[in-house]
Amino acid sequence: MARKYCVLCENEIPTFSSCYKLKDGVICPKCYKKNQKVMPMLVWRITGEELKDKIDPSRINFRNHGYEETFEFGRIKGDENKQVIFFPDTDNEVMENRTLFSLKEVYRVEIIEDNQTVSSGGLGAAVVGDVLLGGVGAIIGSNVGKKKSRGTCAKLSVKIYLDNPMTQYKEVYFINEQKKPVKKDSDEYKQAYQSVSELEAKLQYYIRKNQTK
């Protein structure tokens, strides 16, 4: 029997477990409940991409302004061909110097967990890893062992510093559950930490690339 993966959280759905069918995939009960307010009654008639657009309308705005999503981490999106990064606000507007920035403006990235910086900069270590292993993925390995072990996480964010006179930094939360912290052995935490690590690696790659020009 073929394995099933939720199109939203990308976690595997155990065999014989319940799930909701889409036109081209499935979503797990947890994601369905989390996004129930925007779920159409006939969810099986839409595709996974159409559902993502309903959940996050900024995706549509980004494309309507002539950009293509070549990477997406949470609500952060980027077009590597046009060298831009997009941080949607509550209005989902695409505005230069407020929500839309050049990747060349990014000069530092930090992962912050429960108000403690667990990974910051690391360009020297990342360069060594890149030489040995090659590619963006090497940067993730350079951060191993930097975060302290705790049983739960109430906040997990990425702070991105920008060389921009109007906006000096953007901080985006991937976990923000002060009332009910997330267990670190949960799929929610693992997925969130993987996302922030991959986002940091992606941006560190462009920081190094732009510094050598």
N, C-alpha and C. Protein backbone atom coordinates (compact mmCIF):
# COMPACT_ATOMS: atom_id res chain seq x y z
N MET A 1 0.84 -1.19 0.00
CA MET A 1 0.00 0.00 0.00
C MET A 1 0.88 1.26 0.00
N ALA A 2 0.58 2.19 -0.90
CA ALA A 2 1.39 3.41 -1.01
C ALA A 2 1.24 4.28 0.23
N ARG A 3 2.33 4.90 0.62
CA ARG A 3 2.30 5.80 1.77
C ARG A 3 1.59 7.10 1.42
N LYS A 4 0.92 7.68 2.41
CA LYS A 4 0.21 8.94 2.22
C LYS A 4 0.86 10.02 3.07
N TYR A 5 1.00 11.22 2.48
CA TYR A 5 1.58 12.35 3.19
C TYR A 5 0.64 13.54 3.09
N CYS A 6 0.47 14.23 4.17
CA CYS A 6 -0.38 15.42 4.20
C CYS A 6 0.25 16.50 3.32
N VAL A 7 -0.55 17.13 2.45
CA VAL A 7 -0.01 18.14 1.55
C VAL A 7 0.34 19.44 2.27
N LEU A 8 -0.15 19.61 3.50
CA LEU A 8 0.12 20.82 4.26
C LEU A 8 1.32 20.68 5.18
N CYS A 9 1.28 19.70 6.08
CA CYS A 9 2.39 19.54 7.03
C CYS A 9 3.46 18.57 6.52
N GLU A 10 3.13 17.81 5.47
CA GLU A 10 4.05 16.86 4.82
C GLU A 10 4.39 15.66 5.70
N ASN A 11 3.68 15.50 6.81
CA ASN A 11 3.90 14.33 7.67
C ASN A 11 3.18 13.12 7.09
N GLU A 12 3.77 11.95 7.34
CA GLU A 12 3.15 10.72 6.86
C GLU A 12 1.90 10.42 7.65
N ILE A 13 0.87 9.99 6.96
CA ILE A 13 -0.39 9.59 7.60
C ILE A 13 -0.36 8.08 7.76
N PRO A 14 -0.39 7.58 9.00
CA PRO A 14 -0.30 6.13 9.23
C PRO A 14 -1.37 5.35 8.47
N THR A 15 -1.01 4.16 8.05
CA THR A 15 -1.96 3.27 7.36
C THR A 15 -3.21 3.06 8.20
N PHE A 16 -4.35 3.12 7.56
CA PHE A 16 -5.66 2.92 8.17
C PHE A 16 -6.10 4.09 9.06
N SER A 17 -5.30 5.17 9.11
CA SER A 17 -5.72 6.36 9.85
C SER A 17 -6.64 7.20 8.98
N SER A 18 -7.50 7.97 9.60
CA SER A 18 -8.43 8.81 8.84
C SER A 18 -7.70 9.99 8.22
N CYS A 19 -8.20 10.48 7.10
CA CYS A 19 -7.64 11.66 6.45
C CYS A 19 -8.72 12.23 5.53
N TYR A 20 -8.47 13.42 5.02
CA TYR A 20 -9.42 14.09 4.14
C TYR A 20 -8.83 14.14 2.73
N LYS A 21 -9.59 13.68 1.77
CA LYS A 21 -9.11 13.60 0.40
C LYS A 21 -9.25 14.93 -0.33
N LEU A 22 -8.22 15.24 -1.10
CA LEU A 22 -8.25 16.38 -2.01
C LEU A 22 -8.27 15.85 -3.44
N LYS A 23 -8.30 16.75 -4.39
CA LYS A 23 -8.31 16.34 -5.79
C LYS A 23 -7.03 15.61 -6.16
N ASP A 24 -5.92 16.02 -5.52
CA ASP A 24 -4.63 15.43 -5.88
C ASP A 24 -3.81 15.00 -4.67
N GLY A 25 -4.47 14.75 -3.56
CA GLY A 25 -3.73 14.35 -2.36
C GLY A 25 -4.64 14.22 -1.15
N VAL A 26 -4.04 14.30 0.02
CA VAL A 26 -4.81 14.18 1.26
C VAL A 26 -4.27 15.18 2.29
N ILE A 27 -5.09 15.48 3.30
CA ILE A 27 -4.65 16.27 4.44
C ILE A 27 -5.00 15.52 5.72
N CYS A 28 -4.16 15.68 6.70
CA CYS A 28 -4.37 14.97 7.96
C CYS A 28 -5.44 15.68 8.81
N PRO A 29 -6.06 14.97 9.75
CA PRO A 29 -7.09 15.57 10.60
C PRO A 29 -6.61 16.80 11.36
N LYS A 30 -5.36 16.81 11.80
CA LYS A 30 -4.83 17.94 12.57
C LYS A 30 -4.79 19.20 11.71
N CYS A 31 -4.33 19.09 10.48
CA CYS A 31 -4.27 20.25 9.58
C CYS A 31 -5.67 20.70 9.18
N TYR A 32 -6.56 19.74 9.01
CA TYR A 32 -7.95 20.07 8.67
C TYR A 32 -8.58 20.89 9.79
N LYS A 33 -8.39 20.46 11.02
CA LYS A 33 -8.96 21.16 12.17
C LYS A 33 -8.35 22.54 12.33
N LYS A 34 -7.03 22.63 12.14
CA LYS A 34 -6.31 23.89 12.30
C LYS A 34 -6.78 24.94 11.29
N ASN A 35 -7.18 24.49 10.08
CA ASN A 35 -7.57 25.41 9.02
C ASN A 35 -9.05 25.29 8.65
N GLN A 36 -9.83 24.83 9.59
CA GLN A 36 -11.24 24.52 9.32
C GLN A 36 -12.03 25.74 8.84
N LYS A 37 -11.66 26.93 9.29
CA LYS A 37 -12.41 28.14 8.93
C LYS A 37 -12.37 28.43 7.44
N VAL A 38 -11.32 28.01 6.76
CA VAL A 38 -11.21 28.31 5.33
C VAL A 38 -11.44 27.07 4.45
N MET A 39 -11.73 25.97 5.09
CA MET A 39 -11.95 24.73 4.32
C MET A 39 -13.28 24.78 3.58
N PRO A 40 -13.27 24.52 2.27
CA PRO A 40 -14.54 24.45 1.53
C PRO A 40 -15.30 23.19 1.92
N MET A 41 -16.60 23.23 1.75
CA MET A 41 -17.41 22.06 2.10
C MET A 41 -17.04 20.85 1.24
N LEU A 42 -16.78 21.10 -0.04
CA LEU A 42 -16.42 20.01 -0.96
C LEU A 42 -14.91 20.03 -1.16
N VAL A 43 -14.18 19.72 -0.09
CA VAL A 43 -12.73 19.84 -0.12
C VAL A 43 -12.10 18.90 -1.15
N TRP A 44 -12.76 17.83 -1.46
CA TRP A 44 -12.21 16.86 -2.40
C TRP A 44 -12.18 17.39 -3.84
N ARG A 45 -12.81 18.55 -4.06
CA ARG A 45 -12.84 19.11 -5.41
C ARG A 45 -11.66 20.05 -5.70
N ILE A 46 -10.85 20.36 -4.71
CA ILE A 46 -9.74 21.30 -4.93
C ILE A 46 -8.40 20.59 -4.80
N THR A 47 -7.38 21.21 -5.37
CA THR A 47 -6.03 20.65 -5.32
C THR A 47 -5.30 21.15 -4.06
N GLY A 48 -4.18 20.55 -3.78
CA GLY A 48 -3.39 20.98 -2.63
C GLY A 48 -2.93 22.42 -2.77
N GLU A 49 -2.52 22.83 -3.98
CA GLU A 49 -2.07 24.21 -4.20
C GLU A 49 -3.21 25.19 -4.04
N GLU A 50 -4.39 24.83 -4.50
CA GLU A 50 -5.56 25.70 -4.34
C GLU A 50 -5.92 25.86 -2.86
N LEU A 51 -5.77 24.79 -2.09
CA LEU A 51 -6.04 24.86 -0.66
C LEU A 51 -5.02 25.76 0.04
N LYS A 52 -3.76 25.65 -0.36
CA LYS A 52 -2.72 26.50 0.23
C LYS A 52 -3.00 27.98 -0.06
N ASP A 53 -3.54 28.26 -1.24
CA ASP A 53 -3.89 29.64 -1.58
C ASP A 53 -5.03 30.15 -0.70
N LYS A 54 -5.97 29.28 -0.38
CA LYS A 54 -7.08 29.67 0.50
C LYS A 54 -6.58 29.96 1.92
N ILE A 55 -5.66 29.14 2.38
CA ILE A 55 -5.11 29.30 3.72
C ILE A 55 -4.23 30.53 3.81
N ASP A 56 -3.45 30.78 2.77
CA ASP A 56 -2.50 31.90 2.75
C ASP A 56 -2.68 32.70 1.45
N PRO A 57 -3.60 33.68 1.45
CA PRO A 57 -3.87 34.47 0.23
C PRO A 57 -2.67 35.27 -0.27
N SER A 58 -1.65 35.46 0.58
CA SER A 58 -0.47 36.21 0.13
C SER A 58 0.24 35.50 -1.01
N ARG A 59 0.06 34.19 -1.12
CA ARG A 59 0.65 33.43 -2.23
C ARG A 59 0.13 33.97 -3.57
N ILE A 60 -1.17 34.27 -3.61
CA ILE A 60 -1.79 34.78 -4.83
C ILE A 60 -1.26 36.18 -5.14
N ASN A 61 -1.19 37.04 -4.12
CA ASN A 61 -0.68 38.40 -4.31
C ASN A 61 0.75 38.38 -4.84
N PHE A 62 1.56 37.49 -4.30
CA PHE A 62 2.96 37.38 -4.71
C PHE A 62 3.05 37.04 -6.19
N ARG A 63 2.27 36.07 -6.62
CA ARG A 63 2.28 35.67 -8.04
C ARG A 63 1.70 36.78 -8.92
N ASN A 64 0.66 37.47 -8.43
CA ASN A 64 0.03 38.53 -9.22
C ASN A 64 0.96 39.71 -9.47
N HIS A 65 1.99 39.84 -8.64
CA HIS A 65 2.98 40.90 -8.84
C HIS A 65 4.14 40.44 -9.72
N GLY A 66 3.97 39.29 -10.34
CA GLY A 66 4.97 38.82 -11.31
C GLY A 66 6.08 37.98 -10.72
N TYR A 67 5.90 37.52 -9.46
CA TYR A 67 6.94 36.71 -8.84
C TYR A 67 6.54 35.23 -8.84
N GLU A 68 7.55 34.39 -8.73
CA GLU A 68 7.34 32.94 -8.67
C GLU A 68 7.95 32.41 -7.38
N GLU A 69 7.19 31.60 -6.66
CA GLU A 69 7.70 31.03 -5.41
C GLU A 69 8.71 29.92 -5.71
N THR A 70 9.98 30.22 -5.50
CA THR A 70 11.00 29.18 -5.64
C THR A 70 11.35 28.59 -4.28
N PHE A 71 10.97 29.31 -3.20
CA PHE A 71 11.06 28.72 -1.87
C PHE A 71 9.97 29.31 -0.99
N GLU A 72 9.53 28.52 -0.03
CA GLU A 72 8.48 28.94 0.90
C GLU A 72 8.69 28.23 2.23
N PHE A 73 8.81 29.02 3.29
CA PHE A 73 8.95 28.49 4.64
C PHE A 73 7.94 29.21 5.52
N GLY A 74 6.90 28.49 5.93
CA GLY A 74 5.82 29.16 6.63
C GLY A 74 5.21 30.19 5.71
N ARG A 75 5.08 31.42 6.20
CA ARG A 75 4.53 32.49 5.36
C ARG A 75 5.62 33.26 4.60
N ILE A 76 6.87 32.94 4.83
CA ILE A 76 7.96 33.60 4.12
C ILE A 76 8.12 32.97 2.73
N LYS A 77 8.18 33.81 1.72
CA LYS A 77 8.31 33.32 0.35
C LYS A 77 9.46 34.02 -0.35
N GLY A 78 9.98 33.40 -1.38
CA GLY A 78 11.06 34.03 -2.12
C GLY A 78 11.06 33.64 -3.58
N ASP A 79 11.58 34.54 -4.39
CA ASP A 79 11.79 34.28 -5.81
C ASP A 79 13.29 34.43 -6.05
N GLU A 80 13.98 33.31 -6.17
CA GLU A 80 15.43 33.34 -6.32
C GLU A 80 15.86 33.86 -7.69
N ASN A 81 14.99 33.72 -8.68
CA ASN A 81 15.32 34.23 -10.01
C ASN A 81 15.35 35.76 -10.02
N LYS A 82 14.42 36.37 -9.28
CA LYS A 82 14.37 37.84 -9.21
C LYS A 82 14.99 38.37 -7.92
N GLN A 83 15.55 37.46 -7.11
CA GLN A 83 16.33 37.84 -5.92
C GLN A 83 15.51 38.66 -4.92
N VAL A 84 14.29 38.19 -4.61
CA VAL A 84 13.46 38.89 -3.62
C VAL A 84 12.98 37.93 -2.55
N ILE A 85 12.68 38.50 -1.36
CA ILE A 85 12.09 37.74 -0.27
C ILE A 85 10.89 38.52 0.23
N PHE A 86 9.81 37.81 0.54
CA PHE A 86 8.51 38.42 0.85
C PHE A 86 8.07 37.98 2.24
N PHE A 87 7.76 38.97 3.10
CA PHE A 87 7.25 38.72 4.44
C PHE A 87 5.82 39.27 4.52
N PRO A 88 4.80 38.46 4.24
CA PRO A 88 3.44 38.97 4.21
C PRO A 88 3.01 39.56 5.57
N ASP A 89 2.28 40.68 5.53
CA ASP A 89 1.70 41.23 6.75
C ASP A 89 0.25 40.79 6.82
N THR A 90 -0.51 41.37 7.73
CA THR A 90 -1.90 40.94 7.91
C THR A 90 -2.76 41.26 6.69
N ASP A 91 -2.33 42.25 5.88
CA ASP A 91 -3.08 42.60 4.68
C ASP A 91 -2.60 41.84 3.45
N ASN A 92 -1.53 41.07 3.62
CA ASN A 92 -0.97 40.26 2.53
C ASN A 92 -0.50 41.10 1.34
N GLU A 93 -0.19 42.38 1.59
CA GLU A 93 0.22 43.26 0.50
C GLU A 93 1.70 43.08 0.15
N VAL A 94 2.00 43.22 -1.14
CA VAL A 94 3.38 43.17 -1.61
C VAL A 94 3.87 44.61 -1.75
N MET A 95 4.68 45.07 -0.77
CA MET A 95 5.12 46.46 -0.76
C MET A 95 6.62 46.53 -0.52
N GLU A 96 7.33 47.23 -1.40
CA GLU A 96 8.77 47.39 -1.25
C GLU A 96 9.09 48.14 0.04
N ASN A 97 10.16 47.72 0.69
CA ASN A 97 10.65 48.29 1.94
C ASN A 97 9.75 48.01 3.15
N ARG A 98 8.67 47.28 2.96
CA ARG A 98 7.83 46.92 4.09
C ARG A 98 7.62 45.42 4.18
N THR A 99 7.24 44.81 3.07
CA THR A 99 7.05 43.35 3.05
C THR A 99 7.91 42.67 1.99
N LEU A 100 8.43 43.42 1.04
CA LEU A 100 9.22 42.86 -0.06
C LEU A 100 10.62 43.47 -0.05
N PHE A 101 11.64 42.58 -0.05
CA PHE A 101 13.02 43.04 0.02
C PHE A 101 13.89 42.25 -0.94
N SER A 102 15.02 42.83 -1.28
CA SER A 102 16.00 42.12 -2.10
C SER A 102 16.76 41.13 -1.21
N LEU A 103 17.07 39.98 -1.76
CA LEU A 103 17.89 39.02 -1.02
C LEU A 103 19.27 39.60 -0.72
N LYS A 104 19.70 40.57 -1.51
CA LYS A 104 21.00 41.21 -1.29
C LYS A 104 21.00 42.07 -0.03
N GLU A 105 19.80 42.41 0.47
CA GLU A 105 19.71 43.22 1.69
C GLU A 105 19.87 42.38 2.96
N VAL A 106 19.70 41.09 2.85
CA VAL A 106 19.82 40.20 4.01
C VAL A 106 21.30 40.04 4.37
N TYR A 107 21.65 40.36 5.62
CA TYR A 107 23.07 40.22 5.99
C TYR A 107 23.29 39.40 7.26
N ARG A 108 22.22 39.01 7.95
CA ARG A 108 22.38 38.18 9.13
C ARG A 108 21.07 37.45 9.42
N VAL A 109 21.18 36.22 9.94
CA VAL A 109 20.00 35.41 10.27
C VAL A 109 20.21 34.76 11.63
N GLU A 110 19.17 34.78 12.45
CA GLU A 110 19.22 34.13 13.76
C GLU A 110 18.01 33.24 13.96
N ILE A 111 18.24 32.10 14.60
CA ILE A 111 17.14 31.26 15.07
C ILE A 111 17.01 31.50 16.57
N ILE A 112 15.81 31.87 17.00
CA ILE A 112 15.57 32.18 18.40
C ILE A 112 14.53 31.23 18.97
N GLU A 113 14.89 30.56 20.04
CA GLU A 113 13.97 29.61 20.69
C GLU A 113 13.78 30.01 22.14
N ASP A 114 12.52 30.28 22.50
CA ASP A 114 12.19 30.71 23.87
C ASP A 114 13.10 31.85 24.33
N ASN A 115 13.18 32.87 23.47
CA ASN A 115 13.93 34.11 23.75
C ASN A 115 15.45 33.91 23.85
N GLN A 116 15.94 32.78 23.39
CA GLN A 116 17.38 32.53 23.41
C GLN A 116 17.84 32.24 21.98
N THR A 117 18.89 32.95 21.56
CA THR A 117 19.45 32.73 20.23
C THR A 117 20.20 31.41 20.22
N VAL A 118 19.75 30.48 19.39
CA VAL A 118 20.38 29.16 19.35
C VAL A 118 21.25 28.98 18.11
N SER A 119 21.12 29.89 17.15
CA SER A 119 21.97 29.85 15.97
C SER A 119 22.01 31.25 15.38
N SER A 120 23.22 31.75 15.14
CA SER A 120 23.36 33.11 14.65
C SER A 120 24.60 33.22 13.77
N GLY A 121 24.40 33.79 12.61
CA GLY A 121 25.54 34.02 11.71
C GLY A 121 26.19 32.70 11.33
N GLY A 122 27.31 32.38 11.96
CA GLY A 122 27.99 31.11 11.72
C GLY A 122 28.61 31.02 10.35
N LEU A 123 28.99 32.15 9.76
CA LEU A 123 29.52 32.11 8.39
C LEU A 123 30.81 31.32 8.31
N GLY A 124 31.71 31.50 9.31
CA GLY A 124 32.98 30.77 9.28
C GLY A 124 32.77 29.28 9.33
N ALA A 125 31.93 28.84 10.27
CA ALA A 125 31.66 27.40 10.40
C ALA A 125 30.94 26.88 9.17
N ALA A 126 30.05 27.71 8.63
CA ALA A 126 29.30 27.26 7.46
C ALA A 126 30.21 27.09 6.25
N VAL A 127 31.20 27.97 6.12
CA VAL A 127 32.11 27.86 4.97
C VAL A 127 32.89 26.56 5.03
N VAL A 128 33.34 26.19 6.25
CA VAL A 128 34.05 24.91 6.40
C VAL A 128 33.16 23.77 6.00
N GLY A 129 31.91 23.79 6.50
CA GLY A 129 30.97 22.72 6.16
C GLY A 129 30.69 22.67 4.68
N ASP A 130 30.61 23.85 4.06
CA ASP A 130 30.31 23.90 2.65
C ASP A 130 31.45 23.30 1.82
N VAL A 131 32.69 23.55 2.25
CA VAL A 131 33.84 22.99 1.54
C VAL A 131 33.86 21.48 1.65
N LEU A 132 33.52 20.98 2.84
CA LEU A 132 33.58 19.54 3.07
C LEU A 132 32.41 18.80 2.45
N LEU A 133 31.21 19.39 2.56
CA LEU A 133 30.01 18.68 2.16
C LEU A 133 29.37 19.24 0.90
N GLY A 134 29.54 20.55 0.68
CA GLY A 134 28.99 21.16 -0.52
C GLY A 134 27.53 21.51 -0.39
N GLY A 135 27.15 22.69 -0.96
CA GLY A 135 25.75 23.04 -1.06
C GLY A 135 25.17 23.70 0.17
N VAL A 136 23.90 24.11 0.01
CA VAL A 136 23.18 24.80 1.08
C VAL A 136 23.01 23.92 2.30
N GLY A 137 22.77 22.64 2.10
CA GLY A 137 22.50 21.74 3.22
C GLY A 137 23.61 21.69 4.23
N ALA A 138 24.84 22.00 3.82
CA ALA A 138 25.98 21.95 4.74
C ALA A 138 25.83 22.94 5.87
N ILE A 139 25.15 24.05 5.63
CA ILE A 139 25.01 25.08 6.64
C ILE A 139 24.18 24.59 7.81
N ILE A 140 23.18 23.76 7.55
CA ILE A 140 22.37 23.21 8.62
C ILE A 140 23.25 22.41 9.57
N GLY A 141 24.15 21.63 9.01
CA GLY A 141 25.03 20.83 9.83
C GLY A 141 25.94 21.65 10.72
N SER A 142 26.26 22.88 10.30
CA SER A 142 27.15 23.72 11.09
C SER A 142 26.51 24.21 12.37
N ASN A 143 25.16 24.07 12.49
CA ASN A 143 24.46 24.54 13.67
C ASN A 143 24.21 23.44 14.70
N VAL A 144 24.61 22.22 14.39
CA VAL A 144 24.35 21.10 15.28
C VAL A 144 25.00 21.32 16.63
N GLY A 145 24.23 21.06 17.70
CA GLY A 145 24.78 21.15 19.05
C GLY A 145 24.69 22.52 19.67
N LYS A 146 24.10 23.50 18.98
CA LYS A 146 24.06 24.85 19.52
C LYS A 146 22.86 25.10 20.43
N LYS A 147 21.79 24.33 20.29
CA LYS A 147 20.62 24.62 21.10
C LYS A 147 20.56 23.72 22.33
N LYS A 148 20.09 24.33 23.43
CA LYS A 148 20.00 23.59 24.67
C LYS A 148 18.77 22.70 24.67
N SER A 149 18.87 21.60 25.38
CA SER A 149 17.79 20.63 25.39
C SER A 149 16.76 20.97 26.46
N ARG A 150 15.50 21.13 26.05
CA ARG A 150 14.38 21.33 26.96
C ARG A 150 13.23 20.49 26.44
N GLY A 151 12.28 20.23 27.31
CA GLY A 151 11.19 19.33 26.92
C GLY A 151 10.13 19.95 26.04
N THR A 152 9.97 21.29 26.14
CA THR A 152 8.93 21.96 25.36
C THR A 152 9.46 23.26 24.76
N CYS A 153 8.68 23.79 23.84
CA CYS A 153 9.04 25.05 23.18
C CYS A 153 7.80 25.92 23.08
N ALA A 154 7.90 27.15 23.62
CA ALA A 154 6.77 28.08 23.55
C ALA A 154 6.90 29.03 22.36
N LYS A 155 8.15 29.36 22.01
CA LYS A 155 8.39 30.27 20.89
C LYS A 155 9.57 29.80 20.05
N LEU A 156 9.39 29.85 18.75
CA LEU A 156 10.47 29.54 17.81
C LEU A 156 10.34 30.50 16.64
N SER A 157 11.39 31.28 16.41
CA SER A 157 11.31 32.28 15.36
C SER A 157 12.63 32.40 14.60
N VAL A 158 12.54 33.07 13.46
CA VAL A 158 13.72 33.43 12.68
C VAL A 158 13.76 34.95 12.61
N LYS A 159 14.90 35.52 12.97
CA LYS A 159 15.10 36.97 12.90
C LYS A 159 16.06 37.26 11.77
N ILE A 160 15.59 38.02 10.79
CA ILE A 160 16.35 38.28 9.59
C ILE A 160 16.69 39.77 9.54
N TYR A 161 18.00 40.08 9.57
CA TYR A 161 18.47 41.46 9.57
C TYR A 161 18.64 41.95 8.14
N LEU A 162 18.18 43.19 7.92
CA LEU A 162 18.16 43.75 6.57
C LEU A 162 18.93 45.07 6.50
N ASP A 163 19.69 45.22 5.45
CA ASP A 163 20.41 46.47 5.20
C ASP A 163 19.46 47.41 4.47
N ASN A 164 18.48 47.92 5.25
CA ASN A 164 17.41 48.74 4.69
C ASN A 164 17.08 49.85 5.68
N PRO A 165 17.10 51.11 5.26
CA PRO A 165 16.88 52.22 6.20
C PRO A 165 15.48 52.26 6.81
N MET A 166 14.51 51.66 6.13
CA MET A 166 13.14 51.71 6.62
C MET A 166 12.78 50.50 7.48
N THR A 167 13.41 49.37 7.23
CA THR A 167 13.13 48.14 7.99
C THR A 167 14.45 47.46 8.29
N GLN A 168 14.85 47.46 9.57
CA GLN A 168 16.15 46.91 9.95
C GLN A 168 16.13 45.39 10.11
N TYR A 169 14.98 44.84 10.47
CA TYR A 169 14.88 43.38 10.61
C TYR A 169 13.43 42.93 10.55
N LYS A 170 13.25 41.66 10.29
CA LYS A 170 11.95 41.01 10.34
C LYS A 170 12.08 39.76 11.20
N GLU A 171 11.16 39.59 12.13
CA GLU A 171 11.14 38.37 12.94
C GLU A 171 9.84 37.63 12.68
N VAL A 172 9.96 36.38 12.27
CA VAL A 172 8.79 35.58 11.91
C VAL A 172 8.73 34.37 12.82
N TYR A 173 7.56 34.16 13.44
CA TYR A 173 7.37 33.05 14.37
C TYR A 173 6.85 31.81 13.65
N PHE A 174 7.48 30.68 13.94
CA PHE A 174 7.01 29.39 13.44
C PHE A 174 6.28 28.64 14.54
N ILE A 175 6.58 28.96 15.79
CA ILE A 175 5.83 28.48 16.95
C ILE A 175 5.64 29.68 17.88
N ASN A 176 4.42 29.91 18.31
CA ASN A 176 4.15 31.00 19.26
C ASN A 176 2.98 30.56 20.15
N GLU A 177 3.29 29.69 21.09
CA GLU A 177 2.28 29.06 21.94
C GLU A 177 2.67 29.20 23.41
N GLN A 178 2.61 30.41 23.94
CA GLN A 178 3.02 30.64 25.32
C GLN A 178 2.10 29.93 26.32
N LYS A 179 0.80 29.89 26.00
CA LYS A 179 -0.15 29.26 26.92
C LYS A 179 -0.04 27.74 26.92
N LYS A 180 0.32 27.18 25.78
CA LYS A 180 0.43 25.73 25.66
C LYS A 180 1.66 25.38 24.84
N PRO A 181 2.84 25.35 25.47
CA PRO A 181 4.08 25.05 24.74
C PRO A 181 4.01 23.72 24.00
N VAL A 182 4.77 23.65 22.90
CA VAL A 182 4.78 22.46 22.04
C VAL A 182 5.86 21.50 22.51
N LYS A 183 5.52 20.24 22.61
CA LYS A 183 6.51 19.23 23.00
C LYS A 183 7.53 19.04 21.88
N LYS A 184 8.79 18.87 22.29
CA LYS A 184 9.85 18.78 21.30
C LYS A 184 9.91 17.43 20.59
N ASP A 185 9.20 16.45 21.10
CA ASP A 185 9.16 15.17 20.40
C ASP A 185 7.94 15.09 19.48
N SER A 186 7.22 16.21 19.33
CA SER A 186 6.02 16.23 18.48
C SER A 186 6.39 16.53 17.03
N ASP A 187 5.52 16.12 16.11
CA ASP A 187 5.74 16.40 14.69
C ASP A 187 5.71 17.90 14.44
N GLU A 188 4.87 18.63 15.18
CA GLU A 188 4.75 20.07 14.99
C GLU A 188 6.08 20.78 15.25
N TYR A 189 6.75 20.40 16.34
CA TYR A 189 8.04 21.02 16.66
C TYR A 189 9.10 20.62 15.63
N LYS A 190 9.16 19.33 15.31
CA LYS A 190 10.17 18.85 14.37
C LYS A 190 10.03 19.53 13.02
N GLN A 191 8.80 19.69 12.56
CA GLN A 191 8.56 20.33 11.28
C GLN A 191 8.96 21.81 11.34
N ALA A 192 8.60 22.48 12.44
CA ALA A 192 8.92 23.90 12.58
C ALA A 192 10.43 24.11 12.63
N TYR A 193 11.13 23.26 13.39
CA TYR A 193 12.58 23.45 13.50
C TYR A 193 13.28 23.13 12.18
N GLN A 194 12.78 22.15 11.47
CA GLN A 194 13.35 21.85 10.17
C GLN A 194 13.17 23.04 9.22
N SER A 195 11.99 23.68 9.29
CA SER A 195 11.72 24.83 8.42
C SER A 195 12.64 26.00 8.73
N VAL A 196 12.82 26.32 10.02
CA VAL A 196 13.68 27.46 10.35
C VAL A 196 15.14 27.15 10.01
N SER A 197 15.55 25.91 10.16
CA SER A 197 16.92 25.53 9.83
C SER A 197 17.18 25.62 8.33
N GLU A 198 16.22 25.15 7.55
CA GLU A 198 16.37 25.21 6.09
C GLU A 198 16.31 26.65 5.59
N LEU A 199 15.45 27.47 6.22
CA LEU A 199 15.38 28.88 5.85
C LEU A 199 16.69 29.58 6.17
N GLU A 200 17.23 29.32 7.35
CA GLU A 200 18.51 29.92 7.72
C GLU A 200 19.60 29.50 6.73
N ALA A 201 19.63 28.23 6.38
CA ALA A 201 20.62 27.73 5.43
C ALA A 201 20.48 28.41 4.08
N LYS A 202 19.26 28.55 3.62
CA LYS A 202 19.01 29.20 2.33
C LYS A 202 19.54 30.63 2.34
N LEU A 203 19.23 31.39 3.39
CA LEU A 203 19.63 32.79 3.45
C LEU A 203 21.13 32.94 3.69
N GLN A 204 21.72 32.04 4.49
CA GLN A 204 23.17 32.09 4.68
C GLN A 204 23.90 31.86 3.36
N TYR A 205 23.34 31.01 2.54
CA TYR A 205 23.92 30.77 1.22
C TYR A 205 23.98 32.06 0.41
N TYR A 206 22.88 32.82 0.41
CA TYR A 206 22.85 34.07 -0.35
C TYR A 206 23.70 35.16 0.29
N ILE A 207 23.80 35.16 1.61
CA ILE A 207 24.68 36.12 2.29
C ILE A 207 26.12 35.90 1.83
N ARG A 208 26.55 34.65 1.84
CA ARG A 208 27.92 34.33 1.43
C ARG A 208 28.13 34.63 -0.05
N LYS A 209 27.14 34.28 -0.84
CA LYS A 209 27.23 34.48 -2.28
C LYS A 209 27.35 35.96 -2.62
N ASN A 210 26.56 36.79 -1.93
CA ASN A 210 26.58 38.23 -2.21
C ASN A 210 27.84 38.90 -1.67
N GLN A 211 28.42 38.31 -0.63
CA GLN A 211 29.65 38.88 -0.08
C GLN A 211 30.84 38.67 -0.98
N THR A 212 30.79 37.64 -1.80
CA THR A 212 31.93 37.33 -2.67
C THR A 212 31.88 38.10 -3.99
N LYS A 213 30.78 38.81 -4.21
CA LYS A 213 30.66 39.55 -5.48
C LYS A 213 31.39 40.89 -5.39
